Amino acid sequence: MLVTSIRRSEAIAITIGDYNTRTGVLNIQAGKGDKQRTAYLNTESRLVQNRPR
């Protein structure tokens, strides 16, 4: 949440389809005032997300 500056309520509403793993783009459907917006994950966050488990 710190990297993208998304709000707690926005994070709760995120679905799998809202995130593009290739580009790091996160589409927020239920933003403040019910407005749609886009957030971007930085390279470091994307590397953590893609690390082997």
Protein backbone atom coordinates (compact mmCIF):
# COMPACT_ATOMS: atom_id res chain seq x y z
CA MET A 1 0.00 0.00 0.00
CA LEU A 2 2.84 2.40 0.71
CA VAL A 3 4.35 2.05 -2.75
CA THR A 4 1.08 2.69 -4.60
CA SER A 5 -0.52 5.18 -2.17
CA ILE A 6 -3.79 3.27 -2.29
CA ARG A 7 -6.28 3.58 0.53
CA ARG A 8 -7.29 0.69 2.75
CA SER A 9 -10.80 0.57 1.27
CA GLU A 10 -9.33 0.52 -2.24
CA ALA A 11 -7.02 -2.37 -1.34
CA ILE A 12 -9.94 -4.39 -0.02
CA ALA A 13 -11.85 -3.95 -3.28
CA ILE A 14 -8.99 -5.08 -5.58
CA THR A 15 -9.55 -8.23 -7.60
CA ILE A 16 -7.09 -10.39 -9.56
CA GLY A 17 -8.23 -8.83 -12.83
CA ASP A 18 -7.34 -5.33 -11.59
CA TYR A 19 -3.59 -6.04 -11.68
CA ASN A 20 -1.46 -6.47 -14.79
CA THR A 21 1.63 -8.51 -13.82
CA ARG A 22 3.46 -7.66 -17.04
CA THR A 23 3.24 -3.87 -16.70
CA GLY A 24 2.77 -3.45 -12.94
CA VAL A 25 -0.40 -1.42 -13.49
CA LEU A 26 -3.10 -1.65 -10.83
CA ASN A 27 -6.57 -0.44 -11.84
CA ILE A 28 -8.50 0.80 -8.84
CA GLN A 29 -12.21 0.58 -9.53
CA ALA A 30 -13.60 1.94 -6.26
CA GLY A 31 -11.44 4.96 -5.55
CA LYS A 32 -12.30 7.98 -3.48
CA GLY A 33 -15.64 9.34 -4.60
CA ASP A 34 -16.24 6.12 -6.58
CA LYS A 35 -13.78 7.30 -9.23
CA GLN A 36 -11.59 4.88 -11.13
CA ARG A 37 -7.83 5.48 -11.06
CA THR A 38 -4.57 3.79 -11.90
CA ALA A 39 -1.65 3.03 -9.60
CA TYR A 40 1.75 1.67 -10.57
CA LEU A 41 3.94 -0.78 -8.67
CA ASN A 42 7.62 0.11 -8.74
CA THR A 43 10.23 -2.34 -10.04
CA GLU A 44 11.25 -3.52 -6.57
CA SER A 45 7.67 -4.37 -5.61
CA ARG A 46 7.17 -6.23 -8.87
CA LEU A 47 10.33 -8.28 -8.23
CA VAL A 48 9.03 -9.30 -4.80
CA GLN A 49 5.69 -10.26 -6.34
CA ASN A 50 7.43 -12.41 -8.99
CA ARG A 51 9.98 -14.15 -6.75
CA PRO A 52 9.92 -17.97 -6.64
CA ARG A 53 8.15 -19.52 -3.65
